[in-house]
């Protein structure tokens, strides 16, 4: 166990800034070479205007700082996913 961590502890790792959904969709479309089918609706009950990870505990206890921008991370994830599942790429 790492020093300073409880035996069971939840630590949020992620981006500490909100990302625009359309940007994320665009990156996925580009990487997958597919066009997303979108059905844009008005804000629904329970929707929130922005979400992001609270990484304060990760910073304090792990020295974590997100370094990979979303436009690099998503393509890397897609490449890993296809390789891991041995799926053919388009």
PDB file of N, CA and C in Angstrom:
ATOM      1  N   UNK A   1       0.849  -1.174   0.000  1.00  0.00           N
ATOM      2  CA  UNK A   1       0.000   0.000   0.000  1.00  0.00           C
ATOM      3  C   UNK A   1       0.896   1.239   0.000  1.00  0.00           C
ATOM      4  N   UNK A   2       0.497   2.253  -0.751  1.00  0.00           N
ATOM      5  CA  UNK A   2       1.272   3.490  -0.837  1.00  0.00           C
ATOM      6  C   UNK A   2       1.154   4.277   0.462  1.00  0.00           C
ATOM      7  N   UNK A   3       2.234   4.937   0.883  1.00  0.00           N
ATOM      8  CA  UNK A   3       2.182   5.731   2.114  1.00  0.00           C
ATOM      9  C   UNK A   3       1.129   6.833   2.013  1.00  0.00           C
ATOM     10  N   UNK A   4       0.400   7.053   3.110  1.00  0.00           N
ATOM     11  CA  UNK A   4      -0.590   8.123   3.161  1.00  0.00           C
ATOM     12  C   UNK A   4      -1.958   7.743   2.626  1.00  0.00           C
ATOM     13  N   UNK A   5      -2.108   6.499   2.132  1.00  0.00           N
ATOM     14  CA  UNK A   5      -3.406   6.069   1.612  1.00  0.00           C
ATOM     15  C   UNK A   5      -4.094   5.164   2.622  1.00  0.00           C
ATOM     16  N   UNK A   6      -5.411   5.284   2.700  1.00  0.00           N
ATOM     17  CA  UNK A   6      -6.192   4.367   3.519  1.00  0.00           C
ATOM     18  C   UNK A   6      -6.211   3.001   2.839  1.00  0.00           C
ATOM     19  N   UNK A   7      -6.569   1.955   3.594  1.00  0.00           N
ATOM     20  CA  UNK A   7      -6.563   0.620   3.024  1.00  0.00           C
ATOM     21  C   UNK A   7      -7.538   0.504   1.854  1.00  0.00           C
ATOM     22  N   UNK A   8      -8.695   1.159   1.950  1.00  0.00           N
ATOM     23  CA  UNK A   8      -9.644   1.254   0.847  1.00  0.00           C
ATOM     24  C   UNK A   8      -9.971   2.724   0.680  1.00  0.00           C
ATOM     25  N   UNK A   9      -9.671   3.245  -0.469  1.00  0.00           N
ATOM     26  CA  UNK A   9      -9.887   4.670  -0.681  1.00  0.00           C
ATOM     27  C   UNK A   9     -10.242   4.914  -2.143  1.00  0.00           C
ATOM     28  N   UNK A  10     -11.261   5.714  -2.340  1.00  0.00           N
ATOM     29  CA  UNK A  10     -11.665   6.079  -3.694  1.00  0.00           C
ATOM     30  C   UNK A  10     -10.977   7.377  -4.056  1.00  0.00           C
ATOM     31  N   UNK A  11     -10.254   7.350  -5.163  1.00  0.00           N
ATOM     32  CA  UNK A  11      -9.552   8.537  -5.638  1.00  0.00           C
ATOM     33  C   UNK A  11      -9.952   8.772  -7.081  1.00  0.00           C
ATOM     34  N   UNK A  12     -10.481   9.947  -7.353  1.00  0.00           N
ATOM     35  CA  UNK A  12     -10.969  10.300  -8.671  1.00  0.00           C
ATOM     36  C   UNK A  12      -9.796  10.724  -9.552  1.00  0.00           C
ATOM     37  N   UNK A  13      -9.593  10.003 -10.650  1.00  0.00           N
ATOM     38  CA  UNK A  13      -8.579  10.374 -11.630  1.00  0.00           C
ATOM     39  C   UNK A  13      -9.302  10.810 -12.892  1.00  0.00           C
ATOM     40  N   UNK A  14      -8.910  11.886 -13.456  1.00  0.00           N
ATOM     41  CA  UNK A  14      -9.552  12.356 -14.673  1.00  0.00           C
ATOM     42  C   UNK A  14      -9.121  13.762 -14.995  1.00  0.00           C
ATOM     43  N   UNK A  15      -9.921  14.393 -15.812  1.00  0.00           N
ATOM     44  CA  UNK A  15      -9.656  15.764 -16.224  1.00  0.00           C
ATOM     45  C   UNK A  15     -10.364  16.706 -15.258  1.00  0.00           C
ATOM     46  N   UNK A  16      -9.690  17.702 -14.800  1.00  0.00           N
ATOM     47  CA  UNK A  16     -10.264  18.646 -13.840  1.00  0.00           C
ATOM     48  C   UNK A  16     -10.929  19.835 -14.532  1.00  0.00           C
ATOM     49  N   UNK A  17     -11.113  19.729 -15.837  1.00  0.00           N
ATOM     50  CA  UNK A  17     -11.822  20.762 -16.612  1.00  0.00           C
ATOM     51  C   UNK A  17     -12.933  20.088 -17.411  1.00  0.00           C
ATOM     52  N   UNK A  18     -14.021  20.806 -17.599  1.00  0.00           N
ATOM     53  CA  UNK A  18     -15.108  20.277 -18.433  1.00  0.00           C
ATOM     54  C   UNK A  18     -14.668  20.280 -19.896  1.00  0.00           C
ATOM     55  N   UNK A  19     -15.134  19.311 -20.654  1.00  0.00           N
ATOM     56  CA  UNK A  19     -14.873  19.239 -22.097  1.00  0.00           C
ATOM     57  C   UNK A  19     -16.211  19.352 -22.814  1.00  0.00           C
ATOM     58  N   UNK A  20     -16.227  20.044 -23.931  1.00  0.00           N
ATOM     59  CA  UNK A  20     -17.459  20.176 -24.703  1.00  0.00           C
ATOM     60  C   UNK A  20     -17.799  18.837 -25.347  1.00  0.00           C
ATOM     61  N   UNK A  21     -19.051  18.403 -25.164  1.00  0.00           N
ATOM     62  CA  UNK A  21     -19.484  17.118 -25.685  1.00  0.00           C
ATOM     63  C   UNK A  21     -19.304  17.036 -27.198  1.00  0.00           C
ATOM     64  N   UNK A  22     -19.622  18.090 -27.920  1.00  0.00           N
ATOM     65  CA  UNK A  22     -19.485  18.060 -29.380  1.00  0.00           C
ATOM     66  C   UNK A  22     -18.023  17.876 -29.794  1.00  0.00           C
ATOM     67  N   UNK A  23     -17.108  18.407 -29.014  1.00  0.00           N
ATOM     68  CA  UNK A  23     -15.680  18.224 -29.305  1.00  0.00           C
ATOM     69  C   UNK A  23     -15.287  16.757 -29.124  1.00  0.00           C
ATOM     70  N   UNK A  24     -15.760  16.155 -28.031  1.00  0.00           N
ATOM     71  CA  UNK A  24     -15.468  14.744 -27.768  1.00  0.00           C
ATOM     72  C   UNK A  24     -16.051  13.875 -28.887  1.00  0.00           C
ATOM     73  N   UNK A  25     -17.290  14.166 -29.283  1.00  0.00           N
ATOM     74  CA  UNK A  25     -17.918  13.416 -30.365  1.00  0.00           C
ATOM     75  C   UNK A  25     -17.121  13.576 -31.652  1.00  0.00           C
ATOM     76  N   UNK A  26     -16.673  14.785 -31.937  1.00  0.00           N
ATOM     77  CA  UNK A  26     -15.880  15.037 -33.138  1.00  0.00           C
ATOM     78  C   UNK A  26     -14.577  14.259 -33.154  1.00  0.00           C
ATOM     79  N   UNK A  27     -13.913  14.177 -32.018  1.00  0.00           N
ATOM     80  CA  UNK A  27     -12.661  13.411 -31.927  1.00  0.00           C
ATOM     81  C   UNK A  27     -12.939  11.927 -32.170  1.00  0.00           C
ATOM     82  N   UNK A  28     -14.013  11.417 -31.562  1.00  0.00           N
ATOM     83  CA  UNK A  28     -14.384  10.017 -31.776  1.00  0.00           C
ATOM     84  C   UNK A  28     -14.740   9.757 -33.234  1.00  0.00           C
ATOM     85  N   UNK A  29     -15.516  10.641 -33.834  1.00  0.00           N
ATOM     86  CA  UNK A  29     -15.873  10.475 -35.245  1.00  0.00           C
ATOM     87  C   UNK A  29     -14.624  10.410 -36.116  1.00  0.00           C
ATOM     88  N   UNK A  30     -13.690  11.300 -35.851  1.00  0.00           N
ATOM     89  CA  UNK A  30     -12.465  11.349 -36.630  1.00  0.00           C
ATOM     90  C   UNK A  30     -11.647  10.064 -36.457  1.00  0.00           C
ATOM     91  N   UNK A  31     -11.503   9.624 -35.241  1.00  0.00           N
ATOM     92  CA  UNK A  31     -10.688   8.442 -34.965  1.00  0.00           C
ATOM     93  C   UNK A  31     -11.351   7.166 -35.482  1.00  0.00           C
ATOM     94  N   UNK A  32     -12.672   7.087 -35.372  1.00  0.00           N
ATOM     95  CA  UNK A  32     -13.396   5.883 -35.788  1.00  0.00           C
ATOM     96  C   UNK A  32     -13.794   5.907 -37.263  1.00  0.00           C
ATOM     97  N   UNK A  33     -13.630   7.072 -37.881  1.00  0.00           N
ATOM     98  CA  UNK A  33     -14.027   7.260 -39.281  1.00  0.00           C
ATOM     99  C   UNK A  33     -15.505   6.915 -39.482  1.00  0.00           C
ATOM    100  N   UNK A  34     -16.311   7.381 -38.534  1.00  0.00           N
ATOM    101  CA  UNK A  34     -17.757   7.200 -38.541  1.00  0.00           C
ATOM    102  C   UNK A  34     -18.420   8.539 -38.222  1.00  0.00           C
ATOM    103  N   UNK A  35     -19.627   8.716 -38.684  1.00  0.00           N
ATOM    104  CA  UNK A  35     -20.409   9.900 -38.350  1.00  0.00           C
ATOM    105  C   UNK A  35     -21.411   9.502 -37.266  1.00  0.00           C
ATOM    106  N   UNK A  36     -21.409  10.202 -36.152  1.00  0.00           N
ATOM    107  CA  UNK A  36     -22.330   9.902 -35.058  1.00  0.00           C
ATOM    108  C   UNK A  36     -23.748  10.300 -35.435  1.00  0.00           C
ATOM    109  N   UNK A  37     -24.692   9.459 -35.092  1.00  0.00           N
ATOM    110  CA  UNK A  37     -26.103   9.818 -35.232  1.00  0.00           C
ATOM    111  C   UNK A  37     -26.492  10.551 -33.965  1.00  0.00           C
ATOM    112  N   UNK A  38     -26.886  11.803 -34.110  1.00  0.00           N
ATOM    113  CA  UNK A  38     -27.220  12.613 -32.946  1.00  0.00           C
ATOM    114  C   UNK A  38     -28.691  13.026 -33.007  1.00  0.00           C
ATOM    115  N   UNK A  39     -29.341  12.955 -31.870  1.00  0.00           N
ATOM    116  CA  UNK A  39     -30.707  13.426 -31.717  1.00  0.00           C
ATOM    117  C   UNK A  39     -30.673  14.477 -30.611  1.00  0.00           C
ATOM    118  N   UNK A  40     -30.397  15.713 -30.999  1.00  0.00           N
ATOM    119  CA  UNK A  40     -30.219  16.785 -30.027  1.00  0.00           C
ATOM    120  C   UNK A  40     -31.568  17.218 -29.468  1.00  0.00           C
ATOM    121  N   UNK A  41     -31.687  17.182 -28.163  1.00  0.00           N
ATOM    122  CA  UNK A  41     -32.908  17.548 -27.459  1.00  0.00           C
ATOM    123  C   UNK A  41     -32.622  18.695 -26.506  1.00  0.00           C
ATOM    124  N   UNK A  42     -33.649  19.390 -26.066  1.00  0.00           N
ATOM    125  CA  UNK A  42     -33.437  20.423 -25.046  1.00  0.00           C
ATOM    126  C   UNK A  42     -32.900  19.789 -23.759  1.00  0.00           C
ATOM    127  N   UNK A  43     -32.354  20.625 -22.904  1.00  0.00           N
ATOM    128  CA  UNK A  43     -31.871  20.155 -21.602  1.00  0.00           C
ATOM    129  C   UNK A  43     -32.998  19.374 -20.919  1.00  0.00           C
ATOM    130  N   UNK A  44     -32.643  18.206 -20.379  1.00  0.00           N
ATOM    131  CA  UNK A  44     -33.619  17.342 -19.729  1.00  0.00           C
ATOM    132  C   UNK A  44     -33.520  17.483 -18.205  1.00  0.00           C
ATOM    133  N   UNK A  45     -34.613  17.164 -17.498  1.00  0.00           N
ATOM    134  CA  UNK A  45     -34.542  17.202 -16.029  1.00  0.00           C
ATOM    135  C   UNK A  45     -33.381  16.331 -15.541  1.00  0.00           C
ATOM    136  N   UNK A  46     -32.586  16.870 -14.671  1.00  0.00           N
ATOM    137  CA  UNK A  46     -31.436  16.147 -14.139  1.00  0.00           C
ATOM    138  C   UNK A  46     -30.144  16.402 -14.890  1.00  0.00           C
ATOM    139  N   UNK A  47     -30.232  16.975 -16.103  1.00  0.00           N
ATOM    140  CA  UNK A  47     -29.012  17.321 -16.838  1.00  0.00           C
ATOM    141  C   UNK A  47     -28.251  18.410 -16.087  1.00  0.00           C
ATOM    142  N   UNK A  48     -26.953  18.375 -16.196  1.00  0.00           N
ATOM    143  CA  UNK A  48     -26.118  19.412 -15.590  1.00  0.00           C
ATOM    144  C   UNK A  48     -25.347  20.126 -16.697  1.00  0.00           C
ATOM    145  N   UNK A  49     -25.080  21.415 -16.520  1.00  0.00           N
ATOM    146  CA  UNK A  49     -24.412  22.160 -17.595  1.00  0.00           C
ATOM    147  C   UNK A  49     -22.956  21.751 -17.819  1.00  0.00           C
ATOM    148  N   UNK A  50     -22.276  21.257 -16.782  1.00  0.00           N
ATOM    149  CA  UNK A  50     -20.876  20.857 -16.925  1.00  0.00           C
ATOM    150  C   UNK A  50     -20.514  19.863 -15.825  1.00  0.00           C
ATOM    151  N   UNK A  51     -19.647  18.938 -16.169  1.00  0.00           N
ATOM    152  CA  UNK A  51     -19.120  18.004 -15.174  1.00  0.00           C
ATOM    153  C   UNK A  51     -17.614  17.872 -15.386  1.00  0.00           C
ATOM    154  N   UNK A  52     -16.920  17.583 -14.320  1.00  0.00           N
ATOM    155  CA  UNK A  52     -15.483  17.352 -14.393  1.00  0.00           C
ATOM    156  C   UNK A  52     -15.055  16.645 -13.115  1.00  0.00           C
ATOM    157  N   UNK A  53     -13.889  16.056 -13.144  1.00  0.00           N
ATOM    158  CA  UNK A  53     -13.392  15.293 -12.006  1.00  0.00           C
ATOM    159  C   UNK A  53     -12.829  16.220 -10.943  1.00  0.00           C
ATOM    160  N   UNK A  54     -13.147  15.939  -9.696  1.00  0.00           N
ATOM    161  CA  UNK A  54     -12.520  16.630  -8.564  1.00  0.00           C
ATOM    162  C   UNK A  54     -11.271  15.831  -8.215  1.00  0.00           C
ATOM    163  N   UNK A  55     -10.121  16.334  -8.625  1.00  0.00           N
ATOM    164  CA  UNK A  55      -8.875  15.571  -8.444  1.00  0.00           C
ATOM    165  C   UNK A  55      -8.052  16.058  -7.257  1.00  0.00           C
ATOM    166  N   UNK A  56      -8.665  16.796  -6.349  1.00  0.00           N
ATOM    167  CA  UNK A  56      -7.931  17.347  -5.202  1.00  0.00           C
ATOM    168  C   UNK A  56      -7.244  16.248  -4.392  1.00  0.00           C
ATOM    169  N   UNK A  57      -7.958  15.153  -4.103  1.00  0.00           N
ATOM    170  CA  UNK A  57      -7.371  14.062  -3.312  1.00  0.00           C
ATOM    171  C   UNK A  57      -6.235  13.397  -4.088  1.00  0.00           C
ATOM    172  N   UNK A  58      -6.405  13.218  -5.390  1.00  0.00           N
ATOM    173  CA  UNK A  58      -5.355  12.608  -6.210  1.00  0.00           C
ATOM    174  C   UNK A  58      -4.108  13.493  -6.229  1.00  0.00           C
ATOM    175  N   UNK A  59      -4.320  14.799  -6.299  1.00  0.00           N
ATOM    176  CA  UNK A  59      -3.173  15.714  -6.263  1.00  0.00           C
ATOM    177  C   UNK A  59      -2.444  15.610  -4.933  1.00  0.00           C
ATOM    178  N   UNK A  60      -3.216  15.645  -3.844  1.00  0.00           N
ATOM    179  CA  UNK A  60      -2.624  15.642  -2.504  1.00  0.00           C
ATOM    180  C   UNK A  60      -1.940  14.319  -2.181  1.00  0.00           C
ATOM    181  N   UNK A  61      -2.624  13.221  -2.416  1.00  0.00           N
ATOM    182  CA  UNK A  61      -2.121  11.919  -1.967  1.00  0.00           C
ATOM    183  C   UNK A  61      -1.217  11.222  -2.976  1.00  0.00           C
ATOM    184  N   UNK A  62      -1.405  11.512  -4.267  1.00  0.00           N
ATOM    185  CA  UNK A  62      -0.632  10.808  -5.286  1.00  0.00           C
ATOM    186  C   UNK A  62       0.289  11.721  -6.090  1.00  0.00           C
ATOM    187  N   UNK A  63       0.126  13.028  -5.934  1.00  0.00           N
ATOM    188  CA  UNK A  63       0.885  13.958  -6.769  1.00  0.00           C
ATOM    189  C   UNK A  63       0.413  13.921  -8.211  1.00  0.00           C
ATOM    190  N   UNK A  64      -0.845  13.495  -8.417  1.00  0.00           N
ATOM    191  CA  UNK A  64      -1.399  13.331  -9.758  1.00  0.00           C
ATOM    192  C   UNK A  64      -1.704  14.682 -10.394  1.00  0.00           C
ATOM    193  N   UNK A  65      -1.372  14.782 -11.658  1.00  0.00           N
ATOM    194  CA  UNK A  65      -1.736  15.941 -12.481  1.00  0.00           C
ATOM    195  C   UNK A  65      -2.018  15.418 -13.887  1.00  0.00           C
ATOM    196  N   UNK A  66      -3.229  15.665 -14.408  1.00  0.00           N
ATOM    197  CA  UNK A  66      -3.517  15.185 -15.753  1.00  0.00           C
ATOM    198  C   UNK A  66      -2.624  15.876 -16.778  1.00  0.00           C
ATOM    199  N   UNK A  67      -2.016  15.089 -17.655  1.00  0.00           N
ATOM    200  CA  UNK A  67      -1.072  15.632 -18.631  1.00  0.00           C
ATOM    201  C   UNK A  67      -1.495  15.396 -20.078  1.00  0.00           C
ATOM    202  N   UNK A  68      -2.382  14.442 -20.295  1.00  0.00           N
ATOM    203  CA  UNK A  68      -2.756  14.077 -21.660  1.00  0.00           C
ATOM    204  C   UNK A  68      -3.995  14.846 -22.094  1.00  0.00           C
ATOM    205  N   UNK A  69      -3.881  15.693 -23.122  1.00  0.00           N
ATOM    206  CA  UNK A  69      -5.072  16.407 -23.599  1.00  0.00           C
ATOM    207  C   UNK A  69      -6.073  15.443 -24.223  1.00  0.00           C
ATOM    208  N   UNK A  70      -7.335  15.826 -24.196  1.00  0.00           N
ATOM    209  CA  UNK A  70      -8.422  14.965 -24.674  1.00  0.00           C
ATOM    210  C   UNK A  70      -8.229  14.575 -26.137  1.00  0.00           C
ATOM    211  N   UNK A  71      -7.685  15.479 -26.952  1.00  0.00           N
ATOM    212  CA  UNK A  71      -7.505  15.168 -28.376  1.00  0.00           C
ATOM    213  C   UNK A  71      -6.347  14.199 -28.615  1.00  0.00           C
ATOM    214  N   UNK A  72      -5.575  13.904 -27.596  1.00  0.00           N
ATOM    215  CA  UNK A  72      -4.538  12.866 -27.665  1.00  0.00           C
ATOM    216  C   UNK A  72      -5.029  11.597 -26.965  1.00  0.00           C
ATOM    217  N   UNK A  73      -5.677  11.754 -25.826  1.00  0.00           N
ATOM    218  CA  UNK A  73      -6.116  10.619 -25.021  1.00  0.00           C
ATOM    219  C   UNK A  73      -7.185   9.765 -25.676  1.00  0.00           C
ATOM    220  N   UNK A  74      -8.177  10.405 -26.303  1.00  0.00           N
ATOM    221  CA  UNK A  74      -9.243   9.618 -26.938  1.00  0.00           C
ATOM    222  C   UNK A  74      -8.690   8.768 -28.074  1.00  0.00           C
ATOM    223  N   UNK A  75      -7.901   9.318 -29.010  1.00  0.00           N
ATOM    224  CA  UNK A  75      -7.332   8.443 -30.049  1.00  0.00           C
ATOM    225  C   UNK A  75      -6.467   7.318 -29.487  1.00  0.00           C
ATOM    226  N   UNK A  76      -5.702   7.592 -28.437  1.00  0.00           N
ATOM    227  CA  UNK A  76      -4.899   6.526 -27.821  1.00  0.00           C
ATOM    228  C   UNK A  76      -5.789   5.433 -27.249  1.00  0.00           C
ATOM    229  N   UNK A  77      -6.887   5.844 -26.589  1.00  0.00           N
ATOM    230  CA  UNK A  77      -7.800   4.862 -26.026  1.00  0.00           C
ATOM    231  C   UNK A  77      -8.425   4.019 -27.129  1.00  0.00           C
ATOM    232  N   UNK A  78      -8.878   4.656 -28.203  1.00  0.00           N
ATOM    233  CA  UNK A  78      -9.500   3.922 -29.312  1.00  0.00           C
ATOM    234  C   UNK A  78      -8.499   2.929 -29.903  1.00  0.00           C
ATOM    235  N   UNK A  79      -7.268   3.355 -30.095  1.00  0.00           N
ATOM    236  CA  UNK A  79      -6.240   2.450 -30.635  1.00  0.00           C
ATOM    237  C   UNK A  79      -6.016   1.269 -29.695  1.00  0.00           C
ATOM    238  N   UNK A  80      -5.924   1.559 -28.389  1.00  0.00           N
ATOM    239  CA  UNK A  80      -5.746   0.486 -27.408  1.00  0.00           C
ATOM    240  C   UNK A  80      -6.932  -0.472 -27.453  1.00  0.00           C
ATOM    241  N   UNK A  81      -8.142   0.066 -27.486  1.00  0.00           N
ATOM    242  CA  UNK A  81      -9.346  -0.748 -27.459  1.00  0.00           C
ATOM    243  C   UNK A  81      -9.369  -1.727 -28.641  1.00  0.00           C
ATOM    244  N   UNK A  82      -9.109  -1.228 -29.836  1.00  0.00           N
ATOM    245  CA  UNK A  82      -9.110  -2.089 -31.019  1.00  0.00           C
ATOM    246  C   UNK A  82      -8.013  -3.143 -30.920  1.00  0.00           C
ATOM    247  N   UNK A  83      -6.839  -2.767 -30.461  1.00  0.00           N
ATOM    248  CA  UNK A  83      -5.741  -3.731 -30.338  1.00  0.00           C
ATOM    249  C   UNK A  83      -6.051  -4.771 -29.255  1.00  0.00           C
ATOM    250  N   UNK A  84      -6.549  -4.332 -28.118  1.00  0.00           N
ATOM    251  CA  UNK A  84      -6.831  -5.240 -27.001  1.00  0.00           C
ATOM    252  C   UNK A  84      -7.883  -6.270 -27.385  1.00  0.00           C
ATOM    253  N   UNK A  85      -8.912  -5.829 -28.083  1.00  0.00           N
ATOM    254  CA  UNK A  85      -9.997  -6.734 -28.477  1.00  0.00           C
ATOM    255  C   UNK A  85      -9.761  -7.375 -29.841  1.00  0.00           C
ATOM    256  N   UNK A  86      -8.583  -7.106 -30.413  1.00  0.00           N
ATOM    257  CA  UNK A  86      -8.193  -7.658 -31.710  1.00  0.00           C
ATOM    258  C   UNK A  86      -9.258  -7.398 -32.785  1.00  0.00           C
ATOM    259  N   UNK A  87      -9.708  -6.166 -32.820  1.00  0.00           N
ATOM    260  CA  UNK A  87     -10.719  -5.760 -33.802  1.00  0.00           C
ATOM    261  C   UNK A  87     -10.041  -5.116 -34.996  1.00  0.00           C
ATOM    262  N   UNK A  88     -10.545  -5.372 -36.185  1.00  0.00           N
ATOM    263  CA  UNK A  88      -9.958  -4.730 -37.368  1.00  0.00           C
ATOM    264  C   UNK A  88     -10.279  -3.233 -37.390  1.00  0.00           C
ATOM    265  N   UNK A  89      -9.348  -2.445 -37.877  1.00  0.00           N
ATOM    266  CA  UNK A  89      -9.570  -0.996 -38.021  1.00  0.00           C
ATOM    267  C   UNK A  89     -10.051  -0.712 -39.421  1.00  0.00           C
ATOM    268  N   UNK A  90     -10.816   0.330 -39.572  1.00  0.00           N
ATOM    269  CA  UNK A  90     -11.294   0.751 -40.887  1.00  0.00           C
ATOM    270  C   UNK A  90     -10.216   1.475 -41.620  1.00  0.00           C
TER     271      UNK A  90
END
